[in-house]
Amino acid sequence: PRSMAVAWTGGKDSTLLLWLVRTYSLKHSIAIPKIIF
């Protein structure tokens, strides 16, 4: 997780992506990767 990052633009597609990553990470008790804007 520390070597991964989520590219977030604020648009609908990347926000859906961010929601997916966050949901998956919380469900599996894994650290959320870095989020870059």
PDB file of all heavy atoms in Angstrom:
ATOM      1  N   PRO A   1       0.802  -1.231   0.000  1.00  0.00           N
ATOM      2  CA  PRO A   1       0.000   0.000   0.000  1.00  0.00           C
ATOM      3  C   PRO A   1       0.830   1.275   0.000  1.00  0.00           C
ATOM      4  O   PRO A   1       0.473   2.268  -0.638  1.00  0.00           O
ATOM      5  CB  PRO A   1      -0.827  -0.133   1.288  1.00  0.00           C
ATOM      6  CG  PRO A   1      -0.975  -1.608   1.469  1.00  0.00           C
ATOM      7  CD  PRO A   1       0.350  -2.187   1.030  1.00  0.00           C
ATOM      8  N   ARG A   2       1.961   1.255   0.701  1.00  0.00           N
ATOM      9  CA  ARG A   2       2.796   2.460   0.779  1.00  0.00           C
ATOM     10  C   ARG A   2       3.463   2.794  -0.555  1.00  0.00           C
ATOM     11  O   ARG A   2       3.970   3.911  -0.742  1.00  0.00           O
ATOM     12  CB  ARG A   2       3.863   2.295   1.864  1.00  0.00           C
ATOM     13  CG  ARG A   2       4.886   1.203   1.577  1.00  0.00           C
ATOM     14  CD  ARG A   2       5.918   1.093   2.685  1.00  0.00           C
ATOM     15  NE  ARG A   2       6.881   0.024   2.435  1.00  0.00           N
ATOM     16  CZ  ARG A   2       6.683  -1.249   2.721  1.00  0.00           C
ATOM     17  NH1 ARG A   2       5.537  -1.616   3.297  1.00  0.00           N
ATOM     18  NH2 ARG A   2       7.603  -2.157   2.465  1.00  0.00           N
ATOM     19  N   SER A   3       3.480   1.818  -1.475  1.00  0.00           N
ATOM     20  CA  SER A   3       4.098   2.066  -2.780  1.00  0.00           C
ATOM     21  C   SER A   3       3.056   2.301  -3.866  1.00  0.00           C
ATOM     22  O   SER A   3       3.391   2.353  -5.048  1.00  0.00           O
ATOM     23  CB  SER A   3       4.989   0.879  -3.183  1.00  0.00           C
ATOM     24  OG  SER A   3       4.208  -0.260  -3.513  1.00  0.00           O
ATOM     25  N   MET A   4       1.781   2.470  -3.465  1.00  0.00           N
ATOM     26  CA  MET A   4       0.707   2.711  -4.417  1.00  0.00           C
ATOM     27  C   MET A   4       0.115   4.103  -4.204  1.00  0.00           C
ATOM     28  O   MET A   4       0.206   4.662  -3.115  1.00  0.00           O
ATOM     29  CB  MET A   4      -0.392   1.658  -4.271  1.00  0.00           C
ATOM     30  CG  MET A   4       0.071   0.242  -4.562  1.00  0.00           C
ATOM     31  SD  MET A   4      -1.310  -0.951  -4.685  1.00  0.00           S
ATOM     32  CE  MET A   4      -1.890  -0.967  -2.982  1.00  0.00           C
ATOM     33  N   ALA A   5      -0.509   4.621  -5.257  1.00  0.00           N
ATOM     34  CA  ALA A   5      -1.165   5.923  -5.157  1.00  0.00           C
ATOM     35  C   ALA A   5      -2.423   5.928  -6.015  1.00  0.00           C
ATOM     36  O   ALA A   5      -2.498   5.226  -7.027  1.00  0.00           O
ATOM     37  CB  ALA A   5      -0.223   7.038  -5.614  1.00  0.00           C
ATOM     38  N   VAL A   6      -3.399   6.710  -5.588  1.00  0.00           N
ATOM     39  CA  VAL A   6      -4.652   6.866  -6.334  1.00  0.00           C
ATOM     40  C   VAL A   6      -4.677   8.270  -6.934  1.00  0.00           C
ATOM     41  O   VAL A   6      -4.550   9.253  -6.214  1.00  0.00           O
ATOM     42  CB  VAL A   6      -5.882   6.695  -5.402  1.00  0.00           C
ATOM     43  CG1 VAL A   6      -7.169   6.828  -6.211  1.00  0.00           C
ATOM     44  CG2 VAL A   6      -5.830   5.358  -4.686  1.00  0.00           C
ATOM     45  N   ALA A   7      -4.824   8.349  -8.260  1.00  0.00           N
ATOM     46  CA  ALA A   7      -4.908   9.645  -8.921  1.00  0.00           C
ATOM     47  C   ALA A   7      -6.356  10.120  -8.903  1.00  0.00           C
ATOM     48  O   ALA A   7      -7.230   9.502  -9.503  1.00  0.00           O
ATOM     49  CB  ALA A   7      -4.395   9.537 -10.352  1.00  0.00           C
ATOM     50  N   TRP A   8      -6.600  11.222  -8.218  1.00  0.00           N
ATOM     51  CA  TRP A   8      -7.957  11.752  -8.054  1.00  0.00           C
ATOM     52  C   TRP A   8      -8.037  13.154  -8.633  1.00  0.00           C
ATOM     53  O   TRP A   8      -7.271  14.036  -8.257  1.00  0.00           O
ATOM     54  CB  TRP A   8      -8.329  11.771  -6.577  1.00  0.00           C
ATOM     55  CG  TRP A   8      -9.733  12.204  -6.289  1.00  0.00           C
ATOM     56  CD1 TRP A   8     -10.848  11.966  -7.034  1.00  0.00           C
ATOM     57  CD2 TRP A   8     -10.182  12.947  -5.142  1.00  0.00           C
ATOM     58  NE1 TRP A   8     -11.960  12.506  -6.432  1.00  0.00           N
ATOM     59  CE2 TRP A   8     -11.573  13.112  -5.260  1.00  0.00           C
ATOM     60  CE3 TRP A   8      -9.530  13.466  -4.029  1.00  0.00           C
ATOM     61  CZ2 TRP A   8     -12.328  13.790  -4.318  1.00  0.00           C
ATOM     62  CZ3 TRP A   8     -10.281  14.142  -3.080  1.00  0.00           C
ATOM     63  CH2 TRP A   8     -11.675  14.292  -3.227  1.00  0.00           C
ATOM     64  N   THR A   9      -8.953  13.360  -9.577  1.00  0.00           N
ATOM     65  CA  THR A   9      -9.121  14.673 -10.208  1.00  0.00           C
ATOM     66  C   THR A   9     -10.314  15.438  -9.658  1.00  0.00           C
ATOM     67  O   THR A   9     -10.464  16.624  -9.923  1.00  0.00           O
ATOM     68  CB  THR A   9      -9.330  14.526 -11.722  1.00  0.00           C
ATOM     69  OG1 THR A   9     -10.597  13.876 -11.964  1.00  0.00           O
ATOM     70  CG2 THR A   9      -8.212  13.710 -12.358  1.00  0.00           C
ATOM     71  N   GLY A  10     -11.193  14.733  -8.931  1.00  0.00           N
ATOM     72  CA  GLY A  10     -12.436  15.349  -8.479  1.00  0.00           C
ATOM     73  C   GLY A  10     -13.580  15.068  -9.443  1.00  0.00           C
ATOM     74  O   GLY A  10     -14.738  15.361  -9.136  1.00  0.00           O
ATOM     75  N   GLY A  11     -13.266  14.493 -10.616  1.00  0.00           N
ATOM     76  CA  GLY A  11     -14.301  14.131 -11.580  1.00  0.00           C
ATOM     77  C   GLY A  11     -15.016  12.854 -11.181  1.00  0.00           C
ATOM     78  O   GLY A  11     -14.592  12.143 -10.264  1.00  0.00           O
ATOM     79  N   LYS A  12     -16.096  12.534 -11.878  1.00  0.00           N
ATOM     80  CA  LYS A  12     -16.933  11.393 -11.492  1.00  0.00           C
ATOM     81  C   LYS A  12     -16.191  10.060 -11.577  1.00  0.00           C
ATOM     82  O   LYS A  12     -16.353   9.193 -10.707  1.00  0.00           O
ATOM     83  CB  LYS A  12     -18.187  11.329 -12.365  1.00  0.00           C
ATOM     84  CG  LYS A  12     -17.935  10.984 -13.829  1.00  0.00           C
ATOM     85  CD  LYS A  12     -19.204  11.002 -14.645  1.00  0.00           C
ATOM     86  CE  LYS A  12     -18.989  10.438 -16.043  1.00  0.00           C
ATOM     87  NZ  LYS A  12     -17.834  10.999 -16.762  1.00  0.00           N
ATOM     88  N   ASP A  13     -15.378   9.855 -12.633  1.00  0.00           N
ATOM     89  CA  ASP A  13     -14.681   8.586 -12.808  1.00  0.00           C
ATOM     90  C   ASP A  13     -13.657   8.347 -11.707  1.00  0.00           C
ATOM     91  O   ASP A  13     -13.613   7.269 -11.102  1.00  0.00           O
ATOM     92  CB  ASP A  13     -13.994   8.535 -14.179  1.00  0.00           C
ATOM     93  CG  ASP A  13     -14.978   8.564 -15.331  1.00  0.00           C
ATOM     94  OD1 ASP A  13     -16.175   8.317 -15.098  1.00  0.00           O
ATOM     95  OD2 ASP A  13     -14.559   8.843 -16.468  1.00  0.00           O
ATOM     96  N   SER A  14     -12.827   9.347 -11.458  1.00  0.00           N
ATOM     97  CA  SER A  14     -11.790   9.160 -10.442  1.00  0.00           C
ATOM     98  C   SER A  14     -12.381   9.142  -9.034  1.00  0.00           C
ATOM     99  O   SER A  14     -11.801   8.551  -8.122  1.00  0.00           O
ATOM    100  CB  SER A  14     -10.711  10.246 -10.556  1.00  0.00           C
ATOM    101  OG  SER A  14     -11.231  11.515 -10.262  1.00  0.00           O
ATOM    102  N   THR A  15     -13.546   9.780  -8.840  1.00  0.00           N
ATOM    103  CA  THR A  15     -14.202   9.718  -7.531  1.00  0.00           C
ATOM    104  C   THR A  15     -14.788   8.326  -7.305  1.00  0.00           C
ATOM    105  O   THR A  15     -14.736   7.788  -6.191  1.00  0.00           O
ATOM    106  CB  THR A  15     -15.297  10.789  -7.408  1.00  0.00           C
ATOM    107  OG1 THR A  15     -14.704  12.090  -7.561  1.00  0.00           O
ATOM    108  CG2 THR A  15     -15.978  10.730  -6.048  1.00  0.00           C
ATOM    109  N   LEU A  16     -15.330   7.724  -8.358  1.00  0.00           N
ATOM    110  CA  LEU A  16     -15.779   6.335  -8.263  1.00  0.00           C
ATOM    111  C   LEU A  16     -14.592   5.431  -7.936  1.00  0.00           C
ATOM    112  O   LEU A  16     -14.682   4.543  -7.077  1.00  0.00           O
ATOM    113  CB  LEU A  16     -16.435   5.887  -9.569  1.00  0.00           C
ATOM    114  CG  LEU A  16     -16.737   4.386  -9.698  1.00  0.00           C
ATOM    115  CD1 LEU A  16     -17.678   3.919  -8.589  1.00  0.00           C
ATOM    116  CD2 LEU A  16     -17.317   4.080 -11.077  1.00  0.00           C
ATOM    117  N   LEU A  17     -13.476   5.652  -8.611  1.00  0.00           N
ATOM    118  CA  LEU A  17     -12.262   4.888  -8.337  1.00  0.00           C
ATOM    119  C   LEU A  17     -11.849   5.039  -6.882  1.00  0.00           C
ATOM    120  O   LEU A  17     -11.546   4.041  -6.201  1.00  0.00           O
ATOM    121  CB  LEU A  17     -11.134   5.374  -9.247  1.00  0.00           C
ATOM    122  CG  LEU A  17      -9.728   4.893  -8.897  1.00  0.00           C
ATOM    123  CD1 LEU A  17      -9.595   3.397  -9.150  1.00  0.00           C
ATOM    124  CD2 LEU A  17      -8.680   5.678  -9.685  1.00  0.00           C
ATOM    125  N   LEU A  18     -11.824   6.270  -6.394  1.00  0.00           N
ATOM    126  CA  LEU A  18     -11.437   6.536  -5.012  1.00  0.00           C
ATOM    127  C   LEU A  18     -12.382   5.829  -4.050  1.00  0.00           C
ATOM    128  O   LEU A  18     -11.956   5.242  -3.044  1.00  0.00           O
ATOM    129  CB  LEU A  18     -11.443   8.043  -4.753  1.00  0.00           C
ATOM    130  CG  LEU A  18     -11.096   8.511  -3.341  1.00  0.00           C
ATOM    131  CD1 LEU A  18      -9.716   8.031  -2.930  1.00  0.00           C
ATOM    132  CD2 LEU A  18     -11.171  10.039  -3.266  1.00  0.00           C
ATOM    133  N   TRP A  19     -13.694   5.874  -4.340  1.00  0.00           N
ATOM    134  CA  TRP A  19     -14.689   5.183  -3.511  1.00  0.00           C
ATOM    135  C   TRP A  19     -14.418   3.688  -3.473  1.00  0.00           C
ATOM    136  O   TRP A  19     -14.486   3.049  -2.411  1.00  0.00           O
ATOM    137  CB  TRP A  19     -16.086   5.461  -4.053  1.00  0.00           C
ATOM    138  CG  TRP A  19     -17.198   4.747  -3.345  1.00  0.00           C
ATOM    139  CD1 TRP A  19     -17.802   5.111  -2.173  1.00  0.00           C
ATOM    140  CD2 TRP A  19     -17.840   3.533  -3.767  1.00  0.00           C
ATOM    141  NE1 TRP A  19     -18.784   4.202  -1.836  1.00  0.00           N
ATOM    142  CE2 TRP A  19     -18.825   3.215  -2.800  1.00  0.00           C
ATOM    143  CE3 TRP A  19     -17.679   2.689  -4.865  1.00  0.00           C
ATOM    144  CZ2 TRP A  19     -19.644   2.093  -2.896  1.00  0.00           C
ATOM    145  CZ3 TRP A  19     -18.485   1.559  -4.969  1.00  0.00           C
ATOM    146  CH2 TRP A  19     -19.454   1.275  -3.992  1.00  0.00           C
ATOM    147  N   LEU A  20     -14.074   3.105  -4.623  1.00  0.00           N
ATOM    148  CA  LEU A  20     -13.771   1.673  -4.699  1.00  0.00           C
ATOM    149  C   LEU A  20     -12.550   1.319  -3.846  1.00  0.00           C
ATOM    150  O   LEU A  20     -12.584   0.364  -3.064  1.00  0.00           O
ATOM    151  CB  LEU A  20     -13.501   1.281  -6.162  1.00  0.00           C
ATOM    152  CG  LEU A  20     -14.708   1.100  -7.075  1.00  0.00           C
ATOM    153  CD1 LEU A  20     -14.268   1.099  -8.535  1.00  0.00           C
ATOM    154  CD2 LEU A  20     -15.425  -0.197  -6.738  1.00  0.00           C
ATOM    155  N   VAL A  21     -11.491   2.085  -4.011  1.00  0.00           N
ATOM    156  CA  VAL A  21     -10.256   1.811  -3.269  1.00  0.00           C
ATOM    157  C   VAL A  21     -10.486   1.978  -1.773  1.00  0.00           C
ATOM    158  O   VAL A  21     -10.058   1.143  -0.961  1.00  0.00           O
ATOM    159  CB  VAL A  21      -9.117   2.749  -3.743  1.00  0.00           C
ATOM    160  CG1 VAL A  21      -7.884   2.586  -2.856  1.00  0.00           C
ATOM    161  CG2 VAL A  21      -8.762   2.471  -5.194  1.00  0.00           C
ATOM    162  N   ARG A  22     -11.175   3.042  -1.398  1.00  0.00           N
ATOM    163  CA  ARG A  22     -11.445   3.299   0.020  1.00  0.00           C
ATOM    164  C   ARG A  22     -12.335   2.201   0.606  1.00  0.00           C
ATOM    165  O   ARG A  22     -12.062   1.679   1.706  1.00  0.00           O
ATOM    166  CB  ARG A  22     -12.123   4.662   0.193  1.00  0.00           C
ATOM    167  CG  ARG A  22     -12.464   5.038   1.628  1.00  0.00           C
ATOM    168  CD  ARG A  22     -13.003   6.465   1.681  1.00  0.00           C
ATOM    169  NE  ARG A  22     -13.334   6.856   3.031  1.00  0.00           N
ATOM    170  CZ  ARG A  22     -14.543   6.687   3.582  1.00  0.00           C
ATOM    171  NH1 ARG A  22     -15.531   6.147   2.867  1.00  0.00           N
ATOM    172  NH2 ARG A  22     -14.772   7.065   4.824  1.00  0.00           N
ATOM    173  N   THR A  23     -13.389   1.816  -0.114  1.00  0.00           N
ATOM    174  CA  THR A  23     -14.295   0.767   0.351  1.00  0.00           C
ATOM    175  C   THR A  23     -13.557  -0.552   0.525  1.00  0.00           C
ATOM    176  O   THR A  23     -13.711  -1.245   1.546  1.00  0.00           O
ATOM    177  CB  THR A  23     -15.460   0.578  -0.642  1.00  0.00           C
ATOM    178  OG1 THR A  23     -16.181   1.803  -0.755  1.00  0.00           O
ATOM    179  CG2 THR A  23     -16.400  -0.519  -0.174  1.00  0.00           C
ATOM    180  N   TYR A  24     -12.746  -0.905  -0.465  1.00  0.00           N
ATOM    181  CA  TYR A  24     -11.991  -2.159  -0.413  1.00  0.00           C
ATOM    182  C   TYR A  24     -10.992  -2.134   0.755  1.00  0.00           C
ATOM    183  O   TYR A  24     -10.877  -3.108   1.511  1.00  0.00           O
ATOM    184  CB  TYR A  24     -11.261  -2.380  -1.729  1.00  0.00           C
ATOM    185  CG  TYR A  24     -10.476  -3.671  -1.783  1.00  0.00           C
ATOM    186  CD1 TYR A  24     -11.068  -4.847  -2.248  1.00  0.00           C
ATOM    187  CD2 TYR A  24      -9.150  -3.731  -1.362  1.00  0.00           C
ATOM    188  CE1 TYR A  24     -10.363  -6.040  -2.287  1.00  0.00           C
ATOM    189  CE2 TYR A  24      -8.434  -4.920  -1.397  1.00  0.00           C
ATOM    190  CZ  TYR A  24      -9.041  -6.059  -1.871  1.00  0.00           C
ATOM    191  OH  TYR A  24      -8.331  -7.251  -1.888  1.00  0.00           O
ATOM    192  N   SER A  25     -10.286  -1.034   0.901  1.00  0.00           N
ATOM    193  CA  SER A  25      -9.277  -0.926   1.954  1.00  0.00           C
ATOM    194  C   SER A  25      -9.895  -1.030   3.342  1.00  0.00           C
ATOM    195  O   SER A  25      -9.380  -1.741   4.220  1.00  0.00           O
ATOM    196  CB  SER A  25      -8.513   0.393   1.815  1.00  0.00           C
ATOM    197  OG  SER A  25      -7.851   0.472   0.580  1.00  0.00           O
ATOM    198  N   LEU A  26     -11.020  -0.330   3.554  1.00  0.00           N
ATOM    199  CA  LEU A  26     -11.679  -0.373   4.861  1.00  0.00           C
ATOM    200  C   LEU A  26     -12.240  -1.762   5.155  1.00  0.00           C
ATOM    201  O   LEU A  26     -12.144  -2.256   6.289  1.00  0.00           O
ATOM    202  CB  LEU A  26     -12.797   0.672   4.908  1.00  0.00           C
ATOM    203  CG  LEU A  26     -12.349   2.141   4.864  1.00  0.00           C
ATOM    204  CD1 LEU A  26     -13.555   3.068   4.795  1.00  0.00           C
ATOM    205  CD2 LEU A  26     -11.478   2.473   6.075  1.00  0.00           C
ATOM    206  N   LYS A  27     -12.809  -2.397   4.142  1.00  0.00           N
ATOM    207  CA  LYS A  27     -13.390  -3.733   4.329  1.00  0.00           C
ATOM    208  C   LYS A  27     -12.334  -4.740   4.735  1.00  0.00           C
ATOM    209  O   LYS A  27     -12.586  -5.634   5.570  1.00  0.00           O
ATOM    210  CB  LYS A  27     -14.072  -4.181   3.041  1.00  0.00           C
ATOM    211  CG  LYS A  27     -14.689  -5.576   3.132  1.00  0.00           C
ATOM    212  CD  LYS A  27     -15.357  -5.980   1.833  1.00  0.00           C
ATOM    213  CE  LYS A  27     -15.954  -7.385   1.938  1.00  0.00           C
ATOM    214  NZ  LYS A  27     -16.611  -7.796   0.663  1.00  0.00           N
ATOM    215  N   HIS A  28     -11.144  -4.632   4.172  1.00  0.00           N
ATOM    216  CA  HIS A  28     -10.082  -5.601   4.428  1.00  0.00           C
ATOM    217  C   HIS A  28      -9.050  -5.096   5.437  1.00  0.00           C
ATOM    218  O   HIS A  28      -8.003  -5.722   5.619  1.00  0.00           O
ATOM    219  CB  HIS A  28      -9.396  -5.980   3.115  1.00  0.00           C
ATOM    220  CG  HIS A  28     -10.296  -6.688   2.144  1.00  0.00           C
ATOM    221  ND1 HIS A  28     -10.553  -8.042   2.218  1.00  0.00           N
ATOM    222  CD2 HIS A  28     -11.025  -6.230   1.099  1.00  0.00           C
ATOM    223  CE1 HIS A  28     -11.381  -8.393   1.244  1.00  0.00           C
ATOM    224  NE2 HIS A  28     -11.691  -7.312   0.555  1.00  0.00           N
ATOM    225  N   SER A  29      -9.359  -3.980   6.076  1.00  0.00           N
ATOM    226  CA  SER A  29      -8.468  -3.402   7.095  1.00  0.00           C
ATOM    227  C   SER A  29      -7.054  -3.207   6.559  1.00  0.00           C
ATOM    228  O   SER A  29      -6.056  -3.561   7.199  1.00  0.00           O
ATOM    229  CB  SER A  29      -8.441  -4.294   8.340  1.00  0.00           C
ATOM    230  OG  SER A  29      -9.726  -4.423   8.906  1.00  0.00           O
ATOM    231  N   ILE A  30      -6.982  -2.647   5.342  1.00  0.00           N
ATOM    232  CA  ILE A  30      -5.704  -2.372   4.691  1.00  0.00           C
ATOM    233  C   ILE A  30      -5.535  -0.862   4.598  1.00  0.00           C
ATOM    234  O   ILE A  30      -6.512  -0.127   4.427  1.00  0.00           O
ATOM    235  CB  ILE A  30      -5.667  -2.977   3.274  1.00  0.00           C
ATOM    236  CG1 ILE A  30      -5.968  -4.476   3.316  1.00  0.00           C
ATOM    237  CG2 ILE A  30      -4.313  -2.740   2.619  1.00  0.00           C
ATOM    238  CD1 ILE A  30      -6.128  -5.094   1.941  1.00  0.00           C
ATOM    239  N   ALA A  31      -4.313  -0.423   4.714  1.00  0.00           N
ATOM    240  CA  ALA A  31      -4.047   1.015   4.607  1.00  0.00           C
ATOM    241  C   ALA A  31      -4.459   1.537   3.238  1.00  0.00           C
ATOM    242  O   ALA A  31      -4.207   0.892   2.218  1.00  0.00           O
ATOM    243  CB  ALA A  31      -2.563   1.286   4.840  1.00  0.00           C
ATOM    244  N   ILE A  32      -5.120   2.677   3.220  1.00  0.00           N
ATOM    245  CA  ILE A  32      -5.495   3.310   1.957  1.00  0.00           C
ATOM    246  C   ILE A  32      -4.228   3.882   1.315  1.00  0.00           C
ATOM    247  O   ILE A  32      -3.440   4.552   1.979  1.00  0.00           O
ATOM    248  CB  ILE A  32      -6.513   4.437   2.191  1.00  0.00           C
ATOM    249  CG1 ILE A  32      -7.799   3.866   2.793  1.00  0.00           C
ATOM    250  CG2 ILE A  32      -6.827   5.168   0.879  1.00  0.00           C
ATOM    251  CD1 ILE A  32      -8.818   4.921   3.174  1.00  0.00           C
ATOM    252  N   PRO A  33      -3.995   3.593   0.039  1.00  0.00           N
ATOM    253  CA  PRO A  33      -2.800   4.134  -0.633  1.00  0.00           C
ATOM    254  C   PRO A  33      -2.798   5.663  -0.618  1.00  0.00           C
ATOM    255  O   PRO A  33      -3.809   6.297  -0.308  1.00  0.00           O
ATOM    256  CB  PRO A  33      -2.939   3.603  -2.073  1.00  0.00           C
ATOM    257  CG  PRO A  33      -3.830   2.408  -1.955  1.00  0.00           C
ATOM    258  CD  PRO A  33      -4.793   2.744  -0.850  1.00  0.00           C
ATOM    259  N   LYS A  34      -1.670   6.237  -0.961  1.00  0.00           N
ATOM    260  CA  LYS A  34      -1.583   7.690  -1.064  1.00  0.00           C
ATOM    261  C   LYS A  34      -2.604   8.186  -2.087  1.00  0.00           C
ATOM    262  O   LYS A  34      -2.838   7.548  -3.097  1.00  0.00           O
ATOM    263  CB  LYS A  34      -0.179   8.110  -1.502  1.00  0.00           C
ATOM    264  CG  LYS A  34       0.919   7.833  -0.480  1.00  0.00           C
ATOM    265  CD  LYS A  34       2.265   8.283  -1.037  1.00  0.00           C
ATOM    266  CE  LYS A  34       3.394   8.015  -0.046  1.00  0.00           C
ATOM    267  NZ  LYS A  34       3.269   8.834   1.172  1.00  0.00           N
ATOM    268  N   ILE A  35      -3.216   9.317  -1.808  1.00  0.00           N
ATOM    269  CA  ILE A  35      -4.180   9.909  -2.731  1.00  0.00           C
ATOM    270  C   ILE A  35      -3.573  11.204  -3.247  1.00  0.00           C
ATOM    271  O   ILE A  35      -3.190  12.076  -2.467  1.00  0.00           O
ATOM    272  CB  ILE A  35      -5.517  10.193  -2.028  1.00  0.00           C
ATOM    273  CG1 ILE A  35      -6.080   8.903  -1.433  1.00  0.00           C
ATOM    274  CG2 ILE A  35      -6.519  10.804  -3.008  1.00  0.00           C
ATOM    275  CD1 ILE A  35      -7.228   9.117  -0.482  1.00  0.00           C
ATOM    276  N   ILE A  36      -3.453  11.294  -4.567  1.00  0.00           N
ATOM    277  CA  ILE A  36      -2.798  12.467  -5.137  1.00  0.00           C
ATOM    278  C   ILE A  36      -3.777  13.263  -5.997  1.00  0.00           C
ATOM    279  O   ILE A  36      -4.529  12.713  -6.787  1.00  0.00           O
ATOM    280  CB  ILE A  36      -1.551  12.084  -5.963  1.00  0.00           C
ATOM    281  CG1 ILE A  36      -1.881  11.002  -6.993  1.00  0.00           C
ATOM    282  CG2 ILE A  36      -0.447  11.605  -5.051  1.00  0.00           C
ATOM    283  CD1 ILE A  36      -0.684  10.589  -7.838  1.00  0.00           C
ATOM    284  N   PHE A  37      -3.764  14.558  -5.792  1.00  0.00           N
ATOM    285  CA  PHE A  37      -4.597  15.481  -6.553  1.00  0.00           C
ATOM    286  C   PHE A  37      -3.666  16.388  -7.342  1.00  0.00           C
ATOM    287  O   PHE A  37      -2.915  17.171  -6.760  1.00  0.00           O
ATOM    288  CB  PHE A  37      -5.484  16.304  -5.627  1.00  0.00           C
ATOM    289  CG  PHE A  37      -6.346  17.312  -6.341  1.00  0.00           C
ATOM    290  CD1 PHE A  37      -7.484  16.920  -7.023  1.00  0.00           C
ATOM    291  CD2 PHE A  37      -6.004  18.658  -6.336  1.00  0.00           C
ATOM    292  CE1 PHE A  37      -8.279  17.844  -7.690  1.00  0.00           C
ATOM    293  CE2 PHE A  37      -6.789  19.596  -6.997  1.00  0.00           C
ATOM    294  CZ  PHE A  37      -7.928  19.182  -7.682  1.00  0.00           C
TER     295      PHE A  37
END
